[in-house]
Amino acid sequence: MVRRGLEVYFHQGKKECDFVVKDGQNICQAIQVCRTMQDEGTRKRELDGLLEALEAYGLLEGTILTEDEEFELVAEGSRITVQPVWKWIL
């Protein structure tokens, strides 16, 4: 991302989001990273942090990177893509 001229930051409000990506003056992406979404506690924590960041920056979509899980879901009106980190890198 940095090689593409984008800046990467961390979001912390009441919750945390691992990465927010800034293009110029605008935050354009919010990304969480975890090994798996199978544990209910982890799933809630990752979604809560991501949803807070999406709301804070007016984004409609977010990404959660995992070791090997892949699916999509809608939470609080936002589209969340869960995908393996190796696939996201490609």
Protein backbone atom coordinates (compact mmCIF):
# COMPACT_ATOMS: atom_id res chain seq x y z
CA MET A 1 0.00 0.00 0.00
CA VAL A 2 2.77 2.42 0.88
CA ARG A 3 4.44 1.72 -2.47
CA ARG A 4 1.20 2.83 -4.13
CA GLY A 5 1.41 6.20 -2.38
CA LEU A 6 -1.16 5.32 0.28
CA GLU A 7 -0.72 5.93 4.00
CA VAL A 8 -1.59 3.30 6.61
CA TYR A 9 -2.76 4.11 10.14
CA PHE A 10 -4.30 2.45 13.18
CA HIS A 11 -7.81 3.39 14.34
CA GLN A 12 -8.61 3.58 18.03
CA GLY A 13 -11.85 4.90 19.41
CA LYS A 14 -13.88 2.88 21.87
CA LYS A 15 -12.77 -0.12 19.81
CA GLU A 16 -9.71 -0.76 17.62
CA CYS A 17 -9.24 -1.41 13.91
CA ASP A 18 -5.86 -2.74 12.82
CA PHE A 19 -5.46 -0.67 9.66
CA VAL A 20 -7.12 2.29 7.99
CA VAL A 21 -5.77 3.30 4.61
CA LYS A 22 -5.58 6.94 3.59
CA ASP A 23 -5.47 8.08 -0.04
CA GLY A 24 -4.78 11.81 -0.13
CA GLN A 25 -7.11 13.40 2.41
CA ASN A 26 -9.58 10.51 2.59
CA ILE A 27 -9.66 7.24 4.50
CA CYS A 28 -10.57 4.72 1.79
CA GLN A 29 -10.28 1.30 3.49
CA ALA A 30 -10.56 -0.31 6.91
CA ILE A 31 -8.91 -3.68 7.50
CA GLN A 32 -8.85 -6.07 10.46
CA VAL A 33 -6.49 -9.04 10.74
CA CYS A 34 -7.02 -12.20 12.81
CA ARG A 35 -6.10 -15.84 12.53
CA THR A 36 -9.67 -17.13 12.52
CA MET A 37 -13.24 -15.89 12.84
CA GLN A 38 -14.52 -19.20 14.25
CA ASP A 39 -14.34 -18.16 17.93
CA GLU A 40 -17.42 -16.06 18.81
CA GLY A 41 -15.43 -13.70 21.04
CA THR A 42 -12.85 -13.04 18.32
CA ARG A 43 -15.58 -12.60 15.71
CA LYS A 44 -17.39 -10.01 17.84
CA ARG A 45 -14.20 -8.09 18.69
CA GLU A 46 -13.01 -7.95 15.08
CA LEU A 47 -16.42 -6.97 13.71
CA ASP A 48 -17.01 -4.34 16.41
CA GLY A 49 -13.66 -2.64 15.73
CA LEU A 50 -14.15 -2.75 11.98
CA LEU A 51 -17.72 -1.44 12.17
CA GLU A 52 -16.65 1.44 14.39
CA ALA A 53 -13.95 2.43 11.88
CA LEU A 54 -16.37 2.13 8.94
CA GLU A 55 -18.82 4.42 10.69
CA ALA A 56 -16.12 6.90 11.75
CA TYR A 57 -14.85 7.31 8.18
CA GLY A 58 -18.13 6.94 6.28
CA LEU A 59 -17.17 3.67 4.59
CA LEU A 60 -19.70 1.08 3.40
CA GLU A 61 -17.34 -1.88 3.04
CA GLY A 62 -14.58 -3.41 5.14
CA THR A 63 -12.15 -6.31 5.06
CA ILE A 64 -11.11 -8.92 7.60
CA LEU A 65 -8.00 -10.91 6.70
CA THR A 66 -7.66 -14.42 8.11
CA GLU A 67 -5.41 -17.43 7.78
CA ASP A 68 -7.73 -19.41 5.50
CA GLU A 69 -11.41 -18.40 5.83
CA GLU A 70 -13.37 -16.82 3.02
CA PHE A 71 -16.93 -15.50 3.05
CA GLU A 72 -18.96 -12.30 2.96
CA LEU A 73 -21.45 -10.96 5.43
CA VAL A 74 -23.54 -7.87 6.04
CA ALA A 75 -23.37 -6.27 9.48
CA GLU A 76 -25.15 -3.06 10.43
CA GLY A 77 -25.68 -2.29 6.75
CA SER A 78 -22.00 -2.68 5.83
CA ARG A 79 -20.57 -5.32 3.52
CA ILE A 80 -17.71 -7.23 5.15
CA THR A 81 -15.36 -9.38 3.07
CA VAL A 82 -13.48 -12.06 4.99
CA GLN A 83 -10.63 -13.58 3.02
CA PRO A 84 -7.28 -15.33 3.46
CA VAL A 85 -4.39 -12.89 3.69
CA TRP A 86 -2.52 -14.72 0.89
CA LYS A 87 -5.41 -14.11 -1.51
CA TRP A 88 -5.63 -10.42 -0.54
CA ILE A 89 -1.90 -9.99 -1.24
CA LEU A 90 -2.33 -11.29 -4.78
